Amino acid sequence: MQNTSLLLASLPSSWIPYAELIRLTKPAGALYLYTPCLSSTVLAACLRAPSPAPLPQVLKTNALFLLGSFIFRSAACTWNDILDQDIDRRVARTRLRSLPRGAISTRTALLYTAAQAALGTALLRSGFPRACVAYSLPSVALIALYPLAKRVTYYPQVVLGLTWSWGAVIGFPAMGVALEADARALAVASCLYGSGFAWTILYDTVYAHQDLQDDKKAGVKSIAIVFERDARAMLSVLAVAKIALLVMAGAVMEAGGFYYLGCGLAAVAVGVMVGTVDLKSPDSCWWWFRKGSWLVGGSVAVGVCGEYVSRRLSAM
């Protein structure tokens, strides 16, 4: 927390509200968005025929996805804060965000969102194959709708799961793999998407427990409220689903030991997270939300990258 405060303090005072809007000092959300992109691009590279895609292409595509994840996540946070500012004023953790405290106007925030969206669109159109643009449209619509979900359903995390896991699909056309023409790639992408869907609901439910009591008072709907008494059991089911679908993706593509090592590490990490997090402690929920992006995401990265390296070496 001290390091993040120092980062904000080092900025000109007029920049700080904008940095806060995009969660500049809180990269976990962007990493959660990027991890499915990493998995799909690397596994798509493995499935390229007659041999895995060259390393420079994999690195370039992942660098673009990483940059895009930070841009689109920033735009999503700004859009979310615009729509949620009245609610945020009634929640202790969020009442001092830029918009609720009046540090920036709604009109300026809308222009800021538009600029970020334009930057992300320019990156998408210039850095990726045309097919990726078409595949990205549903995710853009879901990003716009997500902040509204908590007003009409107790399952907004489901909408976020559909949104934040979309990178599991886009990575394949980004690497030149046509899902509509490759049944095996489509099956792998579907398993990755399902795994990411379960994982997103899990970590966002942990995140939502930070504000459980305030959300009840403010009338905000959340899956954390629905499963308040059975949260640990629900999280356990989601954890099993995440790992099972990862394993299924490996089985479809006939992955080797490195991939399943990553699955095992991810299983341990998510198991410890679900078993250890204190859902009644906002500090514990926030800690595990932040660390989960590195521990679980990093474990998956070890597996998919190990699989790619193994296949590249075998192809030489």
C-alpha atoms as a PDB file:
ATOM      1  CA  MET A   1       0.000   0.000   0.000  1.00  0.00           C
ATOM      2  CA  GLN A   2       2.883   2.356   0.776  1.00  0.00           C
ATOM      3  CA  ASN A   3       4.418   1.847  -2.678  1.00  0.00           C
ATOM      4  CA  THR A   4       1.118   2.589  -4.418  1.00  0.00           C
ATOM      5  CA  SER A   5       0.669   5.752  -2.340  1.00  0.00           C
ATOM      6  CA  LEU A   6       4.172   6.855  -3.320  1.00  0.00           C
ATOM      7  CA  LEU A   7       3.372   6.290  -6.989  1.00  0.00           C
ATOM      8  CA  LEU A   8       0.285   8.489  -6.809  1.00  0.00           C
ATOM      9  CA  ALA A   9       2.154  11.083  -4.761  1.00  0.00           C
ATOM     10  CA  SER A  10       4.817  11.292  -7.471  1.00  0.00           C
ATOM     11  CA  LEU A  11       2.233  12.396 -10.050  1.00  0.00           C
ATOM     12  CA  PRO A  12       1.105  15.976 -10.628  1.00  0.00           C
ATOM     13  CA  SER A  13      -1.943  16.597  -8.451  1.00  0.00           C
ATOM     14  CA  SER A  14      -4.167  17.195 -11.491  1.00  0.00           C
ATOM     15  CA  TRP A  15      -3.333  13.700 -12.799  1.00  0.00           C
ATOM     16  CA  ILE A  16      -4.201  11.813  -9.628  1.00  0.00           C
ATOM     17  CA  PRO A  17      -8.014  11.573 -10.187  1.00  0.00           C
ATOM     18  CA  TYR A  18      -7.394  10.091 -13.645  1.00  0.00           C
ATOM     19  CA  ALA A  19      -4.834   7.636 -12.291  1.00  0.00           C
ATOM     20  CA  GLU A  20      -7.315   6.586  -9.622  1.00  0.00           C
ATOM     21  CA  LEU A  21     -10.093   6.104 -12.183  1.00  0.00           C
ATOM     22  CA  ILE A  22      -8.017   3.591 -14.160  1.00  0.00           C
ATOM     23  CA  ARG A  23      -6.737   1.862 -10.978  1.00  0.00           C
ATOM     24  CA  LEU A  24      -3.146   2.662 -11.970  1.00  0.00           C
ATOM     25  CA  THR A  25      -1.780   1.299  -8.708  1.00  0.00           C
ATOM     26  CA  LYS A  26      -4.004  -1.800  -8.739  1.00  0.00           C
ATOM     27  CA  PRO A  27      -3.013  -3.947 -11.757  1.00  0.00           C
ATOM     28  CA  ALA A  28      -4.749  -7.153 -10.625  1.00  0.00           C
ATOM     29  CA  GLY A  29      -7.834  -6.534 -12.766  1.00  0.00           C
ATOM     30  CA  ALA A  30      -5.730  -6.060 -15.902  1.00  0.00           C
ATOM     31  CA  LEU A  31      -3.788  -9.234 -15.144  1.00  0.00           C
ATOM     32  CA  TYR A  32      -7.030 -11.156 -14.722  1.00  0.00           C
ATOM     33  CA  LEU A  33      -8.083  -9.866 -18.151  1.00  0.00           C
ATOM     34  CA  TYR A  34      -4.728 -10.721 -19.724  1.00  0.00           C
ATOM     35  CA  THR A  35      -4.311 -14.287 -18.423  1.00  0.00           C
ATOM     36  CA  PRO A  36      -6.931 -15.859 -20.742  1.00  0.00           C
ATOM     37  CA  CYS A  37      -5.301 -14.022 -23.661  1.00  0.00           C
ATOM     38  CA  LEU A  38      -1.925 -15.485 -22.736  1.00  0.00           C
ATOM     39  CA  SER A  39      -3.318 -18.999 -22.441  1.00  0.00           C
ATOM     40  CA  SER A  40      -5.176 -18.871 -25.733  1.00  0.00           C
ATOM     41  CA  THR A  41      -2.385 -17.329 -27.784  1.00  0.00           C
ATOM     42  CA  VAL A  42       0.229 -19.773 -26.522  1.00  0.00           C
ATOM     43  CA  LEU A  43      -1.990 -22.829 -26.945  1.00  0.00           C
ATOM     44  CA  ALA A  44      -3.083 -21.591 -30.382  1.00  0.00           C
ATOM     45  CA  ALA A  45       0.602 -21.311 -31.252  1.00  0.00           C
ATOM     46  CA  CYS A  46       1.018 -24.943 -30.170  1.00  0.00           C
ATOM     47  CA  LEU A  47      -1.809 -26.044 -32.471  1.00  0.00           C
ATOM     48  CA  ARG A  48      -0.507 -24.289 -35.554  1.00  0.00           C
ATOM     49  CA  ALA A  49       0.294 -26.732 -38.363  1.00  0.00           C
ATOM     50  CA  PRO A  50       2.695 -28.104 -39.422  1.00  0.00           C
ATOM     51  CA  SER A  51       4.729 -26.788 -36.454  1.00  0.00           C
ATOM     52  CA  PRO A  52       4.195 -24.384 -33.550  1.00  0.00           C
ATOM     53  CA  ALA A  53       4.180 -20.673 -34.374  1.00  0.00           C
ATOM     54  CA  PRO A  54       7.572 -18.919 -34.110  1.00  0.00           C
ATOM     55  CA  LEU A  55       8.511 -17.364 -30.782  1.00  0.00           C
ATOM     56  CA  PRO A  56       8.741 -13.741 -32.064  1.00  0.00           C
ATOM     57  CA  GLN A  57       5.109 -13.910 -33.220  1.00  0.00           C
ATOM     58  CA  VAL A  58       4.002 -15.326 -29.868  1.00  0.00           C
ATOM     59  CA  LEU A  59       5.891 -12.650 -27.936  1.00  0.00           C
ATOM     60  CA  LYS A  60       4.622  -9.800 -30.128  1.00  0.00           C
ATOM     61  CA  THR A  61       1.013 -10.961 -29.916  1.00  0.00           C
ATOM     62  CA  ASN A  62       1.197 -11.324 -26.149  1.00  0.00           C
ATOM     63  CA  ALA A  63       2.788  -7.896 -25.765  1.00  0.00           C
ATOM     64  CA  LEU A  64      -0.119  -6.395 -27.717  1.00  0.00           C
ATOM     65  CA  PHE A  65      -2.635  -8.319 -25.599  1.00  0.00           C
ATOM     66  CA  LEU A  66      -0.945  -7.155 -22.396  1.00  0.00           C
ATOM     67  CA  LEU A  67      -1.099  -3.541 -23.514  1.00  0.00           C
ATOM     68  CA  GLY A  68      -4.688  -3.973 -24.680  1.00  0.00           C
ATOM     69  CA  SER A  69      -5.667  -5.547 -21.365  1.00  0.00           C
ATOM     70  CA  PHE A  70      -4.474  -2.505 -19.437  1.00  0.00           C
ATOM     71  CA  ILE A  71      -6.195  -0.094 -21.845  1.00  0.00           C
ATOM     72  CA  PHE A  72      -9.557  -1.863 -21.962  1.00  0.00           C
ATOM     73  CA  ARG A  73      -9.536  -2.610 -18.244  1.00  0.00           C
ATOM     74  CA  SER A  74      -8.868   1.080 -17.589  1.00  0.00           C
ATOM     75  CA  ALA A  75     -11.769   2.077 -19.821  1.00  0.00           C
ATOM     76  CA  ALA A  76     -14.015  -0.477 -18.106  1.00  0.00           C
ATOM     77  CA  CYS A  77     -13.108   0.859 -14.644  1.00  0.00           C
ATOM     78  CA  THR A  78     -13.813   4.435 -15.698  1.00  0.00           C
ATOM     79  CA  TRP A  79     -17.151   3.455 -17.240  1.00  0.00           C
ATOM     80  CA  ASN A  80     -18.039   1.451 -14.139  1.00  0.00           C
ATOM     81  CA  ASP A  81     -17.263   4.404 -11.861  1.00  0.00           C
ATOM     82  CA  ILE A  82     -19.399   6.737 -13.982  1.00  0.00           C
ATOM     83  CA  LEU A  83     -22.442   4.495 -13.642  1.00  0.00           C
ATOM     84  CA  ASP A  84     -21.771   3.538 -10.018  1.00  0.00           C
ATOM     85  CA  GLN A  85     -20.874   6.920  -8.519  1.00  0.00           C
ATOM     86  CA  ASP A  86     -24.158   7.260  -6.600  1.00  0.00           C
ATOM     87  CA  ILE A  87     -23.752   3.753  -5.186  1.00  0.00           C
ATOM     88  CA  ASP A  88     -20.067   4.337  -4.429  1.00  0.00           C
ATOM     89  CA  ARG A  89     -20.961   7.278  -2.189  1.00  0.00           C
ATOM     90  CA  ARG A  90     -22.818   4.846   0.075  1.00  0.00           C
ATOM     91  CA  VAL A  91     -20.023   2.249   0.301  1.00  0.00           C
ATOM     92  CA  ALA A  92     -17.174   2.916   2.732  1.00  0.00           C
ATOM     93  CA  ARG A  93     -14.445   1.446   0.505  1.00  0.00           C
ATOM     94  CA  THR A  94     -15.426   3.428  -2.591  1.00  0.00           C
ATOM     95  CA  ARG A  95     -16.831   6.726  -1.310  1.00  0.00           C
ATOM     96  CA  LEU A  96     -13.490   8.514  -1.831  1.00  0.00           C
ATOM     97  CA  ARG A  97     -13.047   7.488  -5.459  1.00  0.00           C
ATOM     98  CA  SER A  98     -12.530  10.338  -7.931  1.00  0.00           C
ATOM     99  CA  LEU A  99     -16.162  10.748  -9.028  1.00  0.00           C
ATOM    100  CA  PRO A 100     -17.952  10.304  -5.676  1.00  0.00           C
ATOM    101  CA  ARG A 101     -15.698  12.850  -3.984  1.00  0.00           C
ATOM    102  CA  GLY A 102     -16.085  15.334  -6.844  1.00  0.00           C
ATOM    103  CA  ALA A 103     -12.435  15.376  -7.966  1.00  0.00           C
ATOM    104  CA  ILE A 104     -13.549  14.967 -11.572  1.00  0.00           C
ATOM    105  CA  SER A 105     -16.830  15.679 -13.369  1.00  0.00           C
ATOM    106  CA  THR A 106     -19.009  13.082 -15.053  1.00  0.00           C
ATOM    107  CA  ARG A 107     -18.581  14.828 -18.405  1.00  0.00           C
ATOM    108  CA  THR A 108     -14.794  14.724 -18.124  1.00  0.00           C
ATOM    109  CA  ALA A 109     -14.911  11.074 -17.096  1.00  0.00           C
ATOM    110  CA  LEU A 110     -17.047  10.278 -20.158  1.00  0.00           C
ATOM    111  CA  LEU A 111     -14.510  11.980 -22.430  1.00  0.00           C
ATOM    112  CA  TYR A 112     -11.745  10.055 -20.650  1.00  0.00           C
ATOM    113  CA  THR A 113     -13.586   6.786 -21.264  1.00  0.00           C
ATOM    114  CA  ALA A 114     -14.082   7.632 -24.930  1.00  0.00           C
ATOM    115  CA  ALA A 115     -10.377   8.416 -25.330  1.00  0.00           C
ATOM    116  CA  GLN A 116      -9.378   5.097 -23.755  1.00  0.00           C
ATOM    117  CA  ALA A 117     -11.875   3.188 -25.892  1.00  0.00           C
ATOM    118  CA  ALA A 118     -10.569   4.925 -29.017  1.00  0.00           C
ATOM    119  CA  LEU A 119      -6.990   4.032 -28.072  1.00  0.00           C
ATOM    120  CA  GLY A 120      -7.942   0.408 -27.474  1.00  0.00           C
ATOM    121  CA  THR A 121      -9.846   0.228 -30.758  1.00  0.00           C
ATOM    122  CA  ALA A 122      -6.875   1.683 -32.642  1.00  0.00           C
ATOM    123  CA  LEU A 123      -4.613  -0.956 -31.086  1.00  0.00           C
ATOM    124  CA  LEU A 124      -7.060  -3.713 -32.001  1.00  0.00           C
ATOM    125  CA  ARG A 125      -7.451  -2.594 -35.596  1.00  0.00           C
ATOM    126  CA  SER A 126      -3.760  -1.938 -36.238  1.00  0.00           C
ATOM    127  CA  GLY A 127      -2.113  -4.721 -34.258  1.00  0.00           C
ATOM    128  CA  PHE A 128      -4.361  -7.727 -34.777  1.00  0.00           C
ATOM    129  CA  PRO A 129      -5.853  -9.663 -37.707  1.00  0.00           C
ATOM    130  CA  ARG A 130      -9.233  -8.439 -38.930  1.00  0.00           C
ATOM    131  CA  ALA A 131     -10.968 -11.531 -37.537  1.00  0.00           C
ATOM    132  CA  CYS A 132     -10.080 -10.389 -34.022  1.00  0.00           C
ATOM    133  CA  VAL A 133     -12.159  -7.238 -34.448  1.00  0.00           C
ATOM    134  CA  ALA A 134     -15.282  -9.276 -35.160  1.00  0.00           C
ATOM    135  CA  TYR A 135     -14.563 -11.673 -32.311  1.00  0.00           C
ATOM    136  CA  SER A 136     -14.089  -8.735 -29.919  1.00  0.00           C
ATOM    137  CA  LEU A 137     -17.473  -7.072 -30.476  1.00  0.00           C
ATOM    138  CA  PRO A 138     -19.436  -9.256 -27.995  1.00  0.00           C
ATOM    139  CA  SER A 139     -16.914  -8.533 -25.247  1.00  0.00           C
ATOM    140  CA  VAL A 140     -17.206  -4.769 -25.810  1.00  0.00           C
ATOM    141  CA  ALA A 141     -20.984  -4.996 -25.435  1.00  0.00           C
ATOM    142  CA  LEU A 142     -20.614  -7.049 -22.252  1.00  0.00           C
ATOM    143  CA  ILE A 143     -18.137  -4.539 -20.772  1.00  0.00           C
ATOM    144  CA  ALA A 144     -20.680  -1.770 -21.335  1.00  0.00           C
ATOM    145  CA  LEU A 145     -23.503  -3.782 -19.756  1.00  0.00           C
ATOM    146  CA  TYR A 146     -21.679  -5.238 -16.745  1.00  0.00           C
ATOM    147  CA  PRO A 147     -22.064  -2.231 -14.379  1.00  0.00           C
ATOM    148  CA  LEU A 148     -25.817  -2.363 -14.938  1.00  0.00           C
ATOM    149  CA  ALA A 149     -26.075  -6.061 -14.062  1.00  0.00           C
ATOM    150  CA  LYS A 150     -25.788  -5.498 -10.304  1.00  0.00           C
ATOM    151  CA  ARG A 151     -28.976  -3.427 -10.484  1.00  0.00           C
ATOM    152  CA  VAL A 152     -31.134  -6.149 -12.034  1.00  0.00           C
ATOM    153  CA  THR A 153     -29.671  -9.501 -10.982  1.00  0.00           C
ATOM    154  CA  TYR A 154     -27.961 -11.091  -8.017  1.00  0.00           C
ATOM    155  CA  TYR A 155     -25.526 -12.704 -10.468  1.00  0.00           C
ATOM    156  CA  PRO A 156     -23.470  -9.819 -11.908  1.00  0.00           C
ATOM    157  CA  GLN A 157     -20.376 -12.006 -11.491  1.00  0.00           C
ATOM    158  CA  VAL A 158     -21.804 -14.261 -14.213  1.00  0.00           C
ATOM    159  CA  VAL A 159     -21.863 -11.298 -16.601  1.00  0.00           C
ATOM    160  CA  LEU A 160     -18.299 -10.421 -15.612  1.00  0.00           C
ATOM    161  CA  GLY A 161     -17.285 -14.043 -16.173  1.00  0.00           C
ATOM    162  CA  LEU A 162     -18.661 -13.933 -19.711  1.00  0.00           C
ATOM    163  CA  THR A 163     -16.785 -10.661 -20.276  1.00  0.00           C
ATOM    164  CA  TRP A 164     -13.391 -11.066 -18.630  1.00  0.00           C
ATOM    165  CA  SER A 165     -12.798 -14.556 -20.077  1.00  0.00           C
ATOM    166  CA  TRP A 166     -13.228 -13.501 -23.701  1.00  0.00           C
ATOM    167  CA  GLY A 167      -9.484 -13.487 -24.282  1.00  0.00           C
ATOM    168  CA  ALA A 168      -9.614 -17.285 -24.189  1.00  0.00           C
ATOM    169  CA  VAL A 169     -11.334 -17.083 -27.573  1.00  0.00           C
ATOM    170  CA  ILE A 170      -9.644 -14.090 -29.224  1.00  0.00           C
ATOM    171  CA  GLY A 171      -6.141 -15.522 -28.900  1.00  0.00           C
ATOM    172  CA  PHE A 172      -6.835 -18.149 -31.542  1.00  0.00           C
ATOM    173  CA  PRO A 173      -7.707 -15.824 -34.450  1.00  0.00           C
ATOM    174  CA  ALA A 174      -4.898 -13.550 -33.259  1.00  0.00           C
ATOM    175  CA  MET A 175      -2.498 -16.409 -33.979  1.00  0.00           C
ATOM    176  CA  GLY A 176      -4.118 -17.234 -37.316  1.00  0.00           C
ATOM    177  CA  VAL A 177      -6.113 -20.236 -36.081  1.00  0.00           C
ATOM    178  CA  ALA A 178      -9.644 -20.212 -37.524  1.00  0.00           C
ATOM    179  CA  LEU A 179     -11.960 -21.618 -34.855  1.00  0.00           C
ATOM    180  CA  GLU A 180     -14.804 -22.184 -37.326  1.00  0.00           C
ATOM    181  CA  ALA A 181     -12.550 -24.461 -39.384  1.00  0.00           C
ATOM    182  CA  ASP A 182     -10.661 -26.288 -36.629  1.00  0.00           C
ATOM    183  CA  ALA A 183     -12.771 -28.469 -34.344  1.00  0.00           C
ATOM    184  CA  ARG A 184      -9.905 -29.269 -31.994  1.00  0.00           C
ATOM    185  CA  ALA A 185      -8.962 -25.608 -31.568  1.00  0.00           C
ATOM    186  CA  LEU A 186     -12.614 -24.748 -30.960  1.00  0.00           C
ATOM    187  CA  ALA A 187     -12.826 -27.413 -28.251  1.00  0.00           C
ATOM    188  CA  VAL A 188      -9.660 -26.127 -26.567  1.00  0.00           C
ATOM    189  CA  ALA A 189     -10.927 -22.531 -26.725  1.00  0.00           C
ATOM    190  CA  SER A 190     -14.274 -23.594 -25.257  1.00  0.00           C
ATOM    191  CA  CYS A 191     -12.568 -25.337 -22.336  1.00  0.00           C
ATOM    192  CA  LEU A 192     -10.333 -22.331 -21.696  1.00  0.00           C
ATOM    193  CA  TYR A 193     -13.329 -20.010 -21.822  1.00  0.00           C
ATOM    194  CA  GLY A 194     -15.294 -22.186 -19.409  1.00  0.00           C
ATOM    195  CA  SER A 195     -12.316 -22.384 -17.059  1.00  0.00           C
ATOM    196  CA  GLY A 196     -11.911 -18.610 -17.143  1.00  0.00           C
ATOM    197  CA  PHE A 197     -15.643 -18.146 -16.611  1.00  0.00           C
ATOM    198  CA  ALA A 198     -15.584 -20.233 -13.414  1.00  0.00           C
ATOM    199  CA  TRP A 199     -12.410 -18.538 -12.217  1.00  0.00           C
ATOM    200  CA  THR A 200     -13.774 -15.032 -12.786  1.00  0.00           C
ATOM    201  CA  ILE A 201     -16.914 -15.754 -10.768  1.00  0.00           C
ATOM    202  CA  LEU A 202     -14.709 -17.177  -8.005  1.00  0.00           C
ATOM    203  CA  TYR A 203     -12.288 -14.279  -7.633  1.00  0.00           C
ATOM    204  CA  ASP A 204     -14.940 -11.612  -8.094  1.00  0.00           C
ATOM    205  CA  THR A 205     -17.087 -13.237  -5.431  1.00  0.00           C
ATOM    206  CA  VAL A 206     -14.126 -13.026  -3.063  1.00  0.00           C
ATOM    207  CA  TYR A 207     -13.738  -9.381  -4.104  1.00  0.00           C
ATOM    208  CA  ALA A 208     -17.446  -8.702  -3.529  1.00  0.00           C
ATOM    209  CA  HIS A 209     -17.204  -9.914   0.077  1.00  0.00           C
ATOM    210  CA  GLN A 210     -15.239  -6.756   0.888  1.00  0.00           C
ATOM    211  CA  ASP A 211     -18.443  -4.729   0.561  1.00  0.00           C
ATOM    212  CA  LEU A 212     -21.023  -7.331   1.533  1.00  0.00           C
ATOM    213  CA  GLN A 213     -22.692  -5.399   4.346  1.00  0.00           C
ATOM    214  CA  ASP A 214     -22.551  -2.032   2.552  1.00  0.00           C
ATOM    215  CA  ASP A 215     -23.960  -3.606  -0.614  1.00  0.00           C
ATOM    216  CA  LYS A 216     -26.936  -4.907   1.328  1.00  0.00           C
ATOM    217  CA  LYS A 217     -27.657  -1.435   2.688  1.00  0.00           C
ATOM    218  CA  ALA A 218     -27.190   0.203  -0.725  1.00  0.00           C
ATOM    219  CA  GLY A 219     -29.390  -2.351  -2.507  1.00  0.00           C
ATOM    220  CA  VAL A 220     -26.543  -3.617  -4.686  1.00  0.00           C
ATOM    221  CA  LYS A 221     -27.063  -7.180  -5.889  1.00  0.00           C
ATOM    222  CA  SER A 222     -24.254  -9.732  -5.757  1.00  0.00           C
ATOM    223  CA  ILE A 223     -23.727 -13.471  -5.830  1.00  0.00           C
ATOM    224  CA  ALA A 224     -21.893 -12.992  -2.507  1.00  0.00           C
ATOM    225  CA  ILE A 225     -25.249 -12.081  -0.946  1.00  0.00           C
ATOM    226  CA  VAL A 226     -27.068 -15.077  -2.442  1.00  0.00           C
ATOM    227  CA  PHE A 227     -24.459 -17.567  -1.203  1.00  0.00           C
ATOM    228  CA  GLU A 228     -23.477 -15.743   1.986  1.00  0.00           C
ATOM    229  CA  ARG A 229     -24.058 -18.836   4.136  1.00  0.00           C
ATOM    230  CA  ASP A 230     -22.571 -21.305   1.643  1.00  0.00           C
ATOM    231  CA  ALA A 231     -19.871 -19.175   0.059  1.00  0.00           C
ATOM    232  CA  ARG A 232     -16.987 -21.560   0.738  1.00  0.00           C
ATOM    233  CA  ALA A 233     -18.840 -24.487  -0.803  1.00  0.00           C
ATOM    234  CA  MET A 234     -19.782 -22.437  -3.864  1.00  0.00           C
ATOM    235  CA  LEU A 235     -16.188 -21.257  -4.292  1.00  0.00           C
ATOM    236  CA  SER A 236     -14.992 -24.856  -4.017  1.00  0.00           C
ATOM    237  CA  VAL A 237     -17.301 -25.963  -6.830  1.00  0.00           C
ATOM    238  CA  LEU A 238     -16.026 -23.127  -9.012  1.00  0.00           C
ATOM    239  CA  ALA A 239     -12.416 -24.043  -8.216  1.00  0.00           C
ATOM    240  CA  VAL A 240     -12.990 -27.657  -9.248  1.00  0.00           C
ATOM    241  CA  ALA A 241     -14.691 -26.510 -12.448  1.00  0.00           C
ATOM    242  CA  LYS A 242     -11.802 -24.194 -13.303  1.00  0.00           C
ATOM    243  CA  ILE A 243      -9.146 -26.872 -12.935  1.00  0.00           C
ATOM    244  CA  ALA A 244     -11.235 -29.624 -14.557  1.00  0.00           C
ATOM    245  CA  LEU A 245     -11.786 -27.535 -17.667  1.00  0.00           C
ATOM    246  CA  LEU A 246      -8.087 -26.669 -17.830  1.00  0.00           C
ATOM    247  CA  VAL A 247      -7.292 -30.380 -17.725  1.00  0.00           C
ATOM    248  CA  MET A 248      -9.900 -31.044 -20.420  1.00  0.00           C
ATOM    249  CA  ALA A 249      -8.241 -28.450 -22.668  1.00  0.00           C
ATOM    250  CA  GLY A 250      -4.953 -30.284 -22.217  1.00  0.00           C
ATOM    251  CA  ALA A 251      -6.549 -33.639 -22.983  1.00  0.00           C
ATOM    252  CA  VAL A 252      -8.090 -32.334 -26.211  1.00  0.00           C
ATOM    253  CA  MET A 253      -4.737 -31.036 -27.477  1.00  0.00           C
ATOM    254  CA  GLU A 254      -2.803 -34.022 -26.101  1.00  0.00           C
ATOM    255  CA  ALA A 255      -0.639 -31.827 -23.894  1.00  0.00           C
ATOM    256  CA  GLY A 256       2.498 -33.020 -22.177  1.00  0.00           C
ATOM    257  CA  GLY A 257       3.794 -32.985 -18.634  1.00  0.00           C
ATOM    258  CA  PHE A 258       4.653 -29.288 -18.457  1.00  0.00           C
ATOM    259  CA  TYR A 259       1.052 -28.321 -19.142  1.00  0.00           C
ATOM    260  CA  TYR A 260      -0.291 -30.595 -16.421  1.00  0.00           C
ATOM    261  CA  LEU A 261       2.363 -29.310 -14.027  1.00  0.00           C
ATOM    262  CA  GLY A 262       0.832 -25.877 -14.525  1.00  0.00           C
ATOM    263  CA  CYS A 263      -2.630 -27.320 -13.888  1.00  0.00           C
ATOM    264  CA  GLY A 264      -1.374 -28.900 -10.674  1.00  0.00           C
ATOM    265  CA  LEU A 265       0.218 -25.685  -9.464  1.00  0.00           C
ATOM    266  CA  ALA A 266      -2.974 -23.782 -10.287  1.00  0.00           C
ATOM    267  CA  ALA A 267      -5.025 -26.366  -8.376  1.00  0.00           C
ATOM    268  CA  VAL A 268      -2.843 -25.929  -5.300  1.00  0.00           C
ATOM    269  CA  ALA A 269      -2.952 -22.120  -5.550  1.00  0.00           C
ATOM    270  CA  VAL A 270      -6.715 -21.866  -5.979  1.00  0.00           C
ATOM    271  CA  GLY A 271      -7.260 -24.525  -3.307  1.00  0.00           C
ATOM    272  CA  VAL A 272      -5.189 -22.578  -0.791  1.00  0.00           C
ATOM    273  CA  MET A 273      -7.007 -19.384  -1.777  1.00  0.00           C
ATOM    274  CA  VAL A 274     -10.472 -20.876  -1.249  1.00  0.00           C
ATOM    275  CA  GLY A 275      -9.472 -22.638   1.956  1.00  0.00           C
ATOM    276  CA  THR A 276      -7.593 -19.716   3.509  1.00  0.00           C
ATOM    277  CA  VAL A 277      -9.427 -16.514   2.617  1.00  0.00           C
ATOM    278  CA  ASP A 278     -11.410 -15.023   5.480  1.00  0.00           C
ATOM    279  CA  LEU A 279     -14.599 -13.926   3.765  1.00  0.00           C
ATOM    280  CA  LYS A 280     -15.589 -11.815   6.761  1.00  0.00           C
ATOM    281  CA  SER A 281     -12.380  -9.781   6.541  1.00  0.00           C
ATOM    282  CA  PRO A 282     -12.187  -7.133   3.785  1.00  0.00           C
ATOM    283  CA  ASP A 283      -8.397  -7.074   4.132  1.00  0.00           C
ATOM    284  CA  SER A 284      -8.147 -10.832   3.588  1.00  0.00           C
ATOM    285  CA  CYS A 285     -10.491 -10.707   0.592  1.00  0.00           C
ATOM    286  CA  TRP A 286      -8.488  -7.900  -0.985  1.00  0.00           C
ATOM    287  CA  TRP A 287      -5.183  -9.666  -0.320  1.00  0.00           C
ATOM    288  CA  TRP A 288      -6.330 -12.888  -1.970  1.00  0.00           C
ATOM    289  CA  PHE A 289      -7.952 -11.051  -4.861  1.00  0.00           C
ATOM    290  CA  ARG A 290      -4.626  -9.327  -5.619  1.00  0.00           C
ATOM    291  CA  LYS A 291      -2.443 -12.369  -5.078  1.00  0.00           C
ATOM    292  CA  GLY A 292      -4.755 -14.723  -6.950  1.00  0.00           C
ATOM    293  CA  SER A 293      -3.992 -12.938 -10.199  1.00  0.00           C
ATOM    294  CA  TRP A 294      -0.312 -13.776  -9.745  1.00  0.00           C
ATOM    295  CA  LEU A 295      -0.467 -17.168  -8.021  1.00  0.00           C
ATOM    296  CA  VAL A 296      -3.148 -18.840 -10.106  1.00  0.00           C
ATOM    297  CA  GLY A 297      -2.496 -16.912 -13.300  1.00  0.00           C
ATOM    298  CA  GLY A 298       1.239 -17.503 -12.971  1.00  0.00           C
ATOM    299  CA  SER A 299       0.702 -21.230 -12.491  1.00  0.00           C
ATOM    300  CA  VAL A 300      -1.371 -21.454 -15.659  1.00  0.00           C
ATOM    301  CA  ALA A 301       1.281 -19.434 -17.494  1.00  0.00           C
ATOM    302  CA  VAL A 302       3.966 -21.912 -16.416  1.00  0.00           C
ATOM    303  CA  GLY A 303       1.915 -24.760 -17.891  1.00  0.00           C
ATOM    304  CA  VAL A 304       1.017 -23.224 -21.253  1.00  0.00           C
ATOM    305  CA  CYS A 305       4.468 -21.725 -21.813  1.00  0.00           C
ATOM    306  CA  GLY A 306       6.129 -25.005 -20.847  1.00  0.00           C
ATOM    307  CA  GLU A 307       3.910 -26.807 -23.362  1.00  0.00           C
ATOM    308  CA  TYR A 308       4.873 -24.352 -26.092  1.00  0.00           C
ATOM    309  CA  VAL A 309       8.615 -24.619 -25.425  1.00  0.00           C
ATOM    310  CA  SER A 310       8.388 -28.406 -25.362  1.00  0.00           C
ATOM    311  CA  ARG A 311       6.619 -28.504 -28.727  1.00  0.00           C
ATOM    312  CA  ARG A 312       9.011 -26.011 -30.299  1.00  0.00           C
ATOM    313  CA  LEU A 313      12.013 -28.047 -29.212  1.00  0.00           C
ATOM    314  CA  SER A 314      10.416 -31.250 -30.515  1.00  0.00           C
ATOM    315  CA  ALA A 315       9.786 -29.605 -33.882  1.00  0.00           C
ATOM    316  CA  MET A 316      13.444 -28.642 -34.358  1.00  0.00           C
END
